[in-house]
């Protein structure tokens, strides 16, 4: 199998997505026993972990799930679940209300501004998640005594 080695600019979204996938894949290969992460809290850069913060195990499972979406795209929602939740009679009314709200939002922001907002947010979130994956890997290695 041939691996694509295309080089993108540093701040390109594709670069960030590739890096995220690679770091999470590394995390999955290093973390052989995810259950060891269950009671571990993420470090807050020298500070104590926040009360109620998710455990590293929760981060591990979330990061793996997001990786699937990044690599394979979003799975379509099941229409049956949406119809059962909204009911058949109210569905048309809900769609009409959502369309009016969407038109208001589009009137407030132009498409270019919306794109820039979502693009920069996605870039920021993927960068943050990459750092979390590195932290999970590093902490697991410390717990198991593996060389870093």
N, C-alpha and C. Protein backbone atom coordinates (compact mmCIF):
# COMPACT_ATOMS: atom_id res chain seq x y z
N UNK A 1 0.84 -1.18 0.00
CA UNK A 1 0.00 0.00 0.00
C UNK A 1 0.88 1.23 0.00
N UNK A 2 0.60 2.16 -0.90
CA UNK A 2 1.40 3.37 -1.01
C UNK A 2 0.82 4.45 -0.09
N UNK A 3 1.69 5.08 0.66
CA UNK A 3 1.28 6.12 1.60
C UNK A 3 1.51 7.48 0.93
N UNK A 4 0.50 8.32 1.00
CA UNK A 4 0.65 9.66 0.44
C UNK A 4 1.52 10.49 1.36
N UNK A 5 2.49 11.15 0.82
CA UNK A 5 3.38 11.98 1.63
C UNK A 5 3.31 13.43 1.18
N UNK A 6 2.12 13.89 0.89
CA UNK A 6 1.93 15.27 0.46
C UNK A 6 2.21 16.20 1.63
N UNK A 7 2.99 17.22 1.36
CA UNK A 7 3.32 18.20 2.39
C UNK A 7 2.40 19.41 2.20
N UNK A 8 1.71 19.77 3.25
CA UNK A 8 0.82 20.92 3.24
C UNK A 8 1.46 22.02 4.08
N UNK A 9 1.02 23.26 3.90
CA UNK A 9 1.52 24.33 4.78
C UNK A 9 1.20 24.02 6.25
N UNK A 10 1.99 24.58 7.13
CA UNK A 10 1.89 24.29 8.57
C UNK A 10 0.49 24.52 9.13
N UNK A 11 -0.16 25.59 8.78
CA UNK A 11 -1.47 25.91 9.34
C UNK A 11 -2.63 25.41 8.50
N UNK A 12 -2.35 24.58 7.52
CA UNK A 12 -3.38 24.02 6.67
C UNK A 12 -4.22 23.03 7.49
N UNK A 13 -5.53 23.06 7.28
CA UNK A 13 -6.42 22.17 8.02
C UNK A 13 -6.07 20.70 7.76
N UNK A 14 -5.65 20.38 6.55
CA UNK A 14 -5.27 19.00 6.23
C UNK A 14 -4.06 18.56 7.04
N UNK A 15 -3.13 19.47 7.27
CA UNK A 15 -1.96 19.16 8.10
C UNK A 15 -2.39 18.87 9.53
N UNK A 16 -3.28 19.69 10.04
CA UNK A 16 -3.77 19.51 11.41
C UNK A 16 -4.53 18.19 11.53
N UNK A 17 -5.34 17.87 10.54
CA UNK A 17 -6.10 16.62 10.55
C UNK A 17 -5.16 15.41 10.47
N UNK A 18 -4.16 15.48 9.60
CA UNK A 18 -3.19 14.39 9.48
C UNK A 18 -2.43 14.20 10.79
N UNK A 19 -2.01 15.31 11.39
CA UNK A 19 -1.26 15.23 12.65
C UNK A 19 -2.14 14.62 13.75
N UNK A 20 -3.38 15.06 13.82
CA UNK A 20 -4.31 14.51 14.82
C UNK A 20 -4.46 13.00 14.64
N UNK A 21 -4.69 12.57 13.42
CA UNK A 21 -4.86 11.13 13.16
C UNK A 21 -3.61 10.36 13.53
N UNK A 22 -2.44 10.89 13.21
CA UNK A 22 -1.18 10.21 13.52
C UNK A 22 -0.96 10.12 15.02
N UNK A 23 -1.23 11.20 15.74
CA UNK A 23 -1.02 11.21 17.19
C UNK A 23 -2.00 10.26 17.88
N UNK A 24 -3.25 10.23 17.44
CA UNK A 24 -4.23 9.33 18.05
C UNK A 24 -3.89 7.88 17.71
N UNK A 25 -3.43 7.63 16.49
CA UNK A 25 -3.02 6.27 16.13
C UNK A 25 -1.84 5.83 17.01
N UNK A 26 -0.90 6.71 17.24
CA UNK A 26 0.22 6.42 18.14
C UNK A 26 -0.29 6.13 19.55
N UNK A 27 -1.25 6.94 20.01
CA UNK A 27 -1.83 6.75 21.33
C UNK A 27 -2.46 5.36 21.43
N UNK A 28 -3.19 4.95 20.40
CA UNK A 28 -3.83 3.64 20.41
C UNK A 28 -2.81 2.50 20.44
N UNK A 29 -1.68 2.69 19.77
CA UNK A 29 -0.65 1.67 19.74
C UNK A 29 0.09 1.59 21.08
N UNK A 30 0.28 2.72 21.73
CA UNK A 30 1.01 2.75 23.01
C UNK A 30 0.13 2.26 24.15
N UNK A 31 -1.11 2.69 24.20
CA UNK A 31 -2.00 2.36 25.31
C UNK A 31 -2.57 0.96 25.09
N UNK A 32 -1.93 -0.01 25.71
CA UNK A 32 -2.35 -1.41 25.57
C UNK A 32 -3.48 -1.77 26.55
N UNK A 33 -3.52 -1.10 27.69
CA UNK A 33 -4.53 -1.36 28.71
C UNK A 33 -5.20 -0.04 29.09
N UNK A 34 -6.19 0.38 28.31
CA UNK A 34 -6.84 1.67 28.59
C UNK A 34 -7.46 1.77 29.97
N UNK A 35 -7.80 0.65 30.57
CA UNK A 35 -8.42 0.69 31.90
C UNK A 35 -7.50 1.30 32.95
N UNK A 36 -6.19 1.30 32.70
CA UNK A 36 -5.27 1.94 33.64
C UNK A 36 -5.49 3.45 33.73
N UNK A 37 -6.15 4.00 32.73
CA UNK A 37 -6.38 5.45 32.67
C UNK A 37 -7.68 5.87 33.34
N UNK A 38 -8.45 4.91 33.84
CA UNK A 38 -9.80 5.22 34.35
C UNK A 38 -9.82 6.28 35.45
N UNK A 39 -8.98 6.20 36.42
CA UNK A 39 -9.04 7.14 37.55
C UNK A 39 -8.01 8.26 37.45
N UNK A 40 -7.32 8.32 36.34
CA UNK A 40 -6.28 9.34 36.16
C UNK A 40 -6.92 10.62 35.61
N UNK A 41 -6.56 11.73 36.22
CA UNK A 41 -7.04 13.03 35.76
C UNK A 41 -5.95 13.69 34.92
N UNK A 42 -6.34 14.45 33.89
CA UNK A 42 -5.33 15.14 33.10
C UNK A 42 -4.64 16.21 33.94
N UNK A 43 -3.36 16.40 33.68
CA UNK A 43 -2.64 17.45 34.41
C UNK A 43 -2.98 18.79 33.80
N UNK A 44 -3.01 19.80 34.63
CA UNK A 44 -3.35 21.15 34.16
C UNK A 44 -2.10 22.01 34.17
N UNK A 45 -1.04 21.53 33.52
CA UNK A 45 0.23 22.26 33.39
C UNK A 45 0.76 22.71 34.75
N UNK A 46 0.98 21.74 35.63
CA UNK A 46 1.56 22.03 36.93
C UNK A 46 0.53 22.31 38.01
N UNK A 47 -0.73 22.47 37.65
CA UNK A 47 -1.78 22.73 38.62
C UNK A 47 -2.54 21.44 38.90
N UNK A 48 -3.33 21.45 39.96
CA UNK A 48 -4.16 20.28 40.24
C UNK A 48 -5.28 20.19 39.22
N UNK A 49 -5.73 18.97 38.97
CA UNK A 49 -6.83 18.77 38.02
C UNK A 49 -8.12 19.36 38.58
N UNK A 50 -8.98 19.82 37.69
CA UNK A 50 -10.24 20.41 38.09
C UNK A 50 -11.19 19.31 38.57
N UNK A 51 -11.97 19.65 39.57
CA UNK A 51 -12.95 18.69 40.07
C UNK A 51 -14.01 18.46 39.00
N UNK A 52 -14.37 17.22 38.79
CA UNK A 52 -15.38 16.89 37.79
C UNK A 52 -14.85 16.81 36.37
N UNK A 53 -13.55 16.96 36.19
CA UNK A 53 -12.96 16.87 34.86
C UNK A 53 -13.00 15.42 34.40
N UNK A 54 -13.13 15.18 33.09
CA UNK A 54 -13.14 13.81 32.60
C UNK A 54 -11.80 13.12 32.86
N UNK A 55 -11.85 11.82 33.03
CA UNK A 55 -10.63 11.06 33.25
C UNK A 55 -9.89 10.89 31.93
N UNK A 56 -8.66 10.46 32.01
CA UNK A 56 -7.88 10.21 30.80
C UNK A 56 -8.50 9.08 29.98
N UNK A 57 -9.18 8.16 30.64
CA UNK A 57 -9.87 7.09 29.92
C UNK A 57 -10.99 7.68 29.05
N UNK A 58 -11.73 8.64 29.61
CA UNK A 58 -12.78 9.30 28.83
C UNK A 58 -12.19 10.03 27.63
N UNK A 59 -11.05 10.70 27.84
CA UNK A 59 -10.37 11.35 26.72
C UNK A 59 -9.93 10.32 25.68
N UNK A 60 -9.40 9.20 26.15
CA UNK A 60 -8.93 8.15 25.25
C UNK A 60 -10.06 7.68 24.33
N UNK A 61 -11.22 7.37 24.90
CA UNK A 61 -12.33 6.89 24.08
C UNK A 61 -12.89 7.98 23.17
N UNK A 62 -12.95 9.21 23.66
CA UNK A 62 -13.44 10.32 22.84
C UNK A 62 -12.50 10.58 21.66
N UNK A 63 -11.20 10.60 21.92
CA UNK A 63 -10.23 10.88 20.87
C UNK A 63 -10.28 9.81 19.78
N UNK A 64 -10.46 8.56 20.18
CA UNK A 64 -10.58 7.48 19.20
C UNK A 64 -11.84 7.66 18.34
N UNK A 65 -12.95 8.01 18.95
CA UNK A 65 -14.20 8.20 18.22
C UNK A 65 -14.10 9.37 17.24
N UNK A 66 -13.48 10.44 17.67
CA UNK A 66 -13.34 11.61 16.80
C UNK A 66 -12.42 11.28 15.63
N UNK A 67 -11.40 10.46 15.88
CA UNK A 67 -10.48 10.08 14.81
C UNK A 67 -11.23 9.38 13.68
N UNK A 68 -12.18 8.53 14.03
CA UNK A 68 -12.98 7.84 13.00
C UNK A 68 -13.72 8.86 12.15
N UNK A 69 -14.31 9.87 12.78
CA UNK A 69 -15.02 10.91 12.03
C UNK A 69 -14.07 11.72 11.16
N UNK A 70 -12.88 12.03 11.67
CA UNK A 70 -11.91 12.81 10.91
C UNK A 70 -11.46 12.03 9.67
N UNK A 71 -11.22 10.74 9.84
CA UNK A 71 -10.69 9.94 8.74
C UNK A 71 -11.74 9.47 7.76
N UNK A 72 -12.97 9.21 8.24
CA UNK A 72 -13.98 8.60 7.37
C UNK A 72 -15.20 9.49 7.13
N UNK A 73 -15.24 10.65 7.73
CA UNK A 73 -16.38 11.54 7.57
C UNK A 73 -17.46 11.23 8.59
N UNK A 74 -18.41 12.14 8.69
CA UNK A 74 -19.50 11.95 9.64
C UNK A 74 -20.48 10.90 9.11
N UNK A 75 -20.96 10.08 10.00
CA UNK A 75 -21.97 9.11 9.63
C UNK A 75 -23.32 9.82 9.59
N UNK A 76 -24.16 9.47 8.61
CA UNK A 76 -25.47 10.14 8.55
C UNK A 76 -26.33 9.75 9.75
N UNK A 77 -27.13 10.72 10.20
CA UNK A 77 -28.03 10.44 11.31
C UNK A 77 -29.14 9.53 10.83
N UNK A 78 -29.63 8.71 11.74
CA UNK A 78 -30.73 7.82 11.39
C UNK A 78 -32.02 8.64 11.41
N UNK A 79 -32.72 8.63 10.27
CA UNK A 79 -33.94 9.43 10.17
C UNK A 79 -35.02 8.93 11.11
N UNK A 80 -35.02 7.64 11.39
CA UNK A 80 -36.03 7.07 12.29
C UNK A 80 -35.95 7.67 13.67
N UNK A 81 -34.73 7.91 14.17
CA UNK A 81 -34.58 8.50 15.50
C UNK A 81 -35.11 9.92 15.53
N UNK A 82 -34.84 10.67 14.46
CA UNK A 82 -35.30 12.06 14.40
C UNK A 82 -36.82 12.12 14.33
N UNK A 83 -37.43 11.25 13.54
CA UNK A 83 -38.88 11.25 13.40
C UNK A 83 -39.56 10.83 14.69
N UNK A 84 -39.00 9.82 15.37
CA UNK A 84 -39.60 9.37 16.62
C UNK A 84 -39.50 10.44 17.68
N UNK A 85 -38.42 11.19 17.70
CA UNK A 85 -38.24 12.22 18.72
C UNK A 85 -39.15 13.40 18.48
N UNK A 86 -39.37 13.78 17.22
CA UNK A 86 -40.14 14.97 16.90
C UNK A 86 -41.60 14.71 16.66
N UNK A 87 -42.00 13.51 16.36
CA UNK A 87 -43.39 13.22 16.03
C UNK A 87 -43.67 13.58 14.59
N UNK A 88 -44.64 12.92 13.97
CA UNK A 88 -44.93 13.14 12.55
C UNK A 88 -45.61 14.47 12.28
N UNK A 89 -46.58 14.88 13.11
CA UNK A 89 -47.37 16.09 12.85
C UNK A 89 -46.54 17.35 13.07
N UNK A 90 -45.68 17.36 14.06
CA UNK A 90 -44.90 18.55 14.38
C UNK A 90 -43.66 18.71 13.51
N UNK A 91 -43.34 17.69 12.72
CA UNK A 91 -42.11 17.72 11.93
C UNK A 91 -42.10 18.88 10.94
N UNK A 92 -43.19 19.11 10.23
CA UNK A 92 -43.25 20.19 9.24
C UNK A 92 -43.13 21.54 9.93
N UNK A 93 -43.78 21.69 11.08
CA UNK A 93 -43.67 22.95 11.82
C UNK A 93 -42.25 23.20 12.29
N UNK A 94 -41.58 22.16 12.78
CA UNK A 94 -40.20 22.29 13.25
C UNK A 94 -39.28 22.68 12.11
N UNK A 95 -39.47 22.06 10.94
CA UNK A 95 -38.63 22.38 9.79
C UNK A 95 -38.83 23.82 9.35
N UNK A 96 -40.07 24.31 9.35
CA UNK A 96 -40.35 25.68 8.97
C UNK A 96 -39.70 26.67 9.93
N UNK A 97 -39.79 26.38 11.22
CA UNK A 97 -39.17 27.25 12.23
C UNK A 97 -37.66 27.25 12.09
N UNK A 98 -37.06 26.07 11.84
CA UNK A 98 -35.61 25.99 11.66
C UNK A 98 -35.17 26.75 10.42
N UNK A 99 -35.95 26.69 9.34
CA UNK A 99 -35.60 27.40 8.11
C UNK A 99 -35.61 28.90 8.34
N UNK A 100 -36.61 29.40 9.08
CA UNK A 100 -36.66 30.83 9.38
C UNK A 100 -35.47 31.25 10.24
N UNK A 101 -35.12 30.44 11.23
CA UNK A 101 -33.97 30.76 12.07
C UNK A 101 -32.68 30.73 11.26
N UNK A 102 -32.55 29.77 10.37
CA UNK A 102 -31.36 29.67 9.54
C UNK A 102 -31.23 30.89 8.63
N UNK A 103 -32.34 31.37 8.07
CA UNK A 103 -32.30 32.54 7.20
C UNK A 103 -31.89 33.79 7.98
N UNK A 104 -32.34 33.89 9.25
CA UNK A 104 -31.94 35.01 10.09
C UNK A 104 -30.44 34.99 10.34
N UNK A 105 -29.92 33.81 10.65
CA UNK A 105 -28.50 33.67 10.92
C UNK A 105 -27.70 34.01 9.67
N UNK A 106 -28.14 33.53 8.52
CA UNK A 106 -27.43 33.83 7.27
C UNK A 106 -27.47 35.33 6.97
N UNK A 107 -28.55 35.97 7.36
CA UNK A 107 -28.62 37.41 7.15
C UNK A 107 -27.66 38.17 8.04
N UNK A 108 -27.37 37.63 9.22
CA UNK A 108 -26.49 38.30 10.15
C UNK A 108 -25.02 38.14 9.77
N UNK A 109 -24.65 36.99 9.30
CA UNK A 109 -23.27 36.73 8.91
C UNK A 109 -23.24 36.28 7.45
N UNK A 110 -22.32 36.79 6.69
CA UNK A 110 -22.21 36.29 5.33
C UNK A 110 -21.49 34.95 5.32
N UNK A 111 -21.57 34.24 4.23
CA UNK A 111 -21.01 32.89 4.16
C UNK A 111 -19.51 32.86 4.38
N UNK A 112 -18.80 33.86 3.89
CA UNK A 112 -17.36 33.88 4.07
C UNK A 112 -16.99 34.00 5.55
N UNK A 113 -17.71 34.85 6.26
CA UNK A 113 -17.45 35.01 7.69
C UNK A 113 -17.79 33.73 8.45
N UNK A 114 -18.89 33.08 8.07
CA UNK A 114 -19.26 31.82 8.71
C UNK A 114 -18.20 30.76 8.46
N UNK A 115 -17.73 30.68 7.22
CA UNK A 115 -16.70 29.70 6.88
C UNK A 115 -15.45 29.95 7.71
N UNK A 116 -15.02 31.20 7.79
CA UNK A 116 -13.81 31.52 8.54
C UNK A 116 -13.97 31.17 10.02
N UNK A 117 -15.13 31.46 10.57
CA UNK A 117 -15.41 31.15 11.97
C UNK A 117 -15.32 29.65 12.23
N UNK A 118 -16.01 28.86 11.42
CA UNK A 118 -16.02 27.41 11.62
C UNK A 118 -14.66 26.79 11.31
N UNK A 119 -13.99 27.29 10.30
CA UNK A 119 -12.68 26.78 9.92
C UNK A 119 -11.67 27.01 11.04
N UNK A 120 -11.63 28.23 11.56
CA UNK A 120 -10.68 28.53 12.63
C UNK A 120 -11.04 27.77 13.90
N UNK A 121 -12.32 27.59 14.17
CA UNK A 121 -12.74 26.81 15.34
C UNK A 121 -12.32 25.36 15.20
N UNK A 122 -12.52 24.78 14.03
CA UNK A 122 -12.13 23.39 13.80
C UNK A 122 -10.62 23.23 13.94
N UNK A 123 -9.88 24.17 13.39
CA UNK A 123 -8.40 24.14 13.50
C UNK A 123 -7.99 24.16 14.97
N UNK A 124 -8.58 25.06 15.74
CA UNK A 124 -8.27 25.19 17.15
C UNK A 124 -8.62 23.91 17.92
N UNK A 125 -9.80 23.37 17.67
CA UNK A 125 -10.26 22.18 18.39
C UNK A 125 -9.37 20.98 18.07
N UNK A 126 -9.03 20.79 16.79
CA UNK A 126 -8.17 19.66 16.43
C UNK A 126 -6.78 19.79 17.04
N UNK A 127 -6.27 21.01 17.10
CA UNK A 127 -4.97 21.23 17.74
C UNK A 127 -5.05 20.89 19.22
N UNK A 128 -6.11 21.32 19.88
CA UNK A 128 -6.30 21.03 21.30
C UNK A 128 -6.44 19.53 21.54
N UNK A 129 -7.21 18.85 20.70
CA UNK A 129 -7.39 17.41 20.85
C UNK A 129 -6.08 16.65 20.61
N UNK A 130 -5.26 17.14 19.70
CA UNK A 130 -3.95 16.53 19.45
C UNK A 130 -3.10 16.61 20.71
N UNK A 131 -3.11 17.75 21.37
CA UNK A 131 -2.36 17.90 22.62
C UNK A 131 -2.90 16.96 23.70
N UNK A 132 -4.21 16.77 23.75
CA UNK A 132 -4.80 15.84 24.73
C UNK A 132 -4.36 14.41 24.44
N UNK A 133 -4.32 14.02 23.16
CA UNK A 133 -3.88 12.67 22.80
C UNK A 133 -2.42 12.46 23.20
N UNK A 134 -1.60 13.48 23.00
CA UNK A 134 -0.20 13.38 23.42
C UNK A 134 -0.10 13.24 24.94
N UNK A 135 -0.95 13.95 25.66
CA UNK A 135 -0.95 13.87 27.12
C UNK A 135 -1.38 12.49 27.60
N UNK A 136 -2.41 11.92 26.98
CA UNK A 136 -2.85 10.57 27.35
C UNK A 136 -1.72 9.57 27.13
N UNK A 137 -1.05 9.68 25.99
CA UNK A 137 0.05 8.78 25.67
C UNK A 137 1.18 8.93 26.68
N UNK A 138 1.57 10.17 26.96
CA UNK A 138 2.67 10.43 27.89
C UNK A 138 2.33 9.92 29.29
N UNK A 139 1.12 10.16 29.76
CA UNK A 139 0.72 9.72 31.09
C UNK A 139 0.70 8.19 31.18
N UNK A 140 0.20 7.54 30.13
CA UNK A 140 0.18 6.08 30.12
C UNK A 140 1.60 5.54 30.19
N UNK A 141 2.50 6.16 29.45
CA UNK A 141 3.88 5.71 29.48
C UNK A 141 4.50 5.91 30.86
N UNK A 142 4.15 6.97 31.54
CA UNK A 142 4.65 7.20 32.90
C UNK A 142 4.10 6.15 33.87
N UNK A 143 2.82 5.82 33.72
CA UNK A 143 2.19 4.84 34.59
C UNK A 143 2.84 3.47 34.42
N UNK A 144 3.09 3.10 33.18
CA UNK A 144 3.62 1.75 32.91
C UNK A 144 5.13 1.69 32.96
N UNK A 145 5.78 2.85 33.10
CA UNK A 145 7.24 2.88 33.20
C UNK A 145 7.95 2.70 31.87
N UNK A 146 7.24 2.96 30.78
CA UNK A 146 7.85 2.86 29.45
C UNK A 146 8.74 4.07 29.22
N UNK A 147 9.76 3.87 28.39
CA UNK A 147 10.66 4.97 28.05
C UNK A 147 9.91 5.99 27.22
N UNK A 148 10.14 7.25 27.51
CA UNK A 148 9.45 8.33 26.80
C UNK A 148 10.32 8.87 25.69
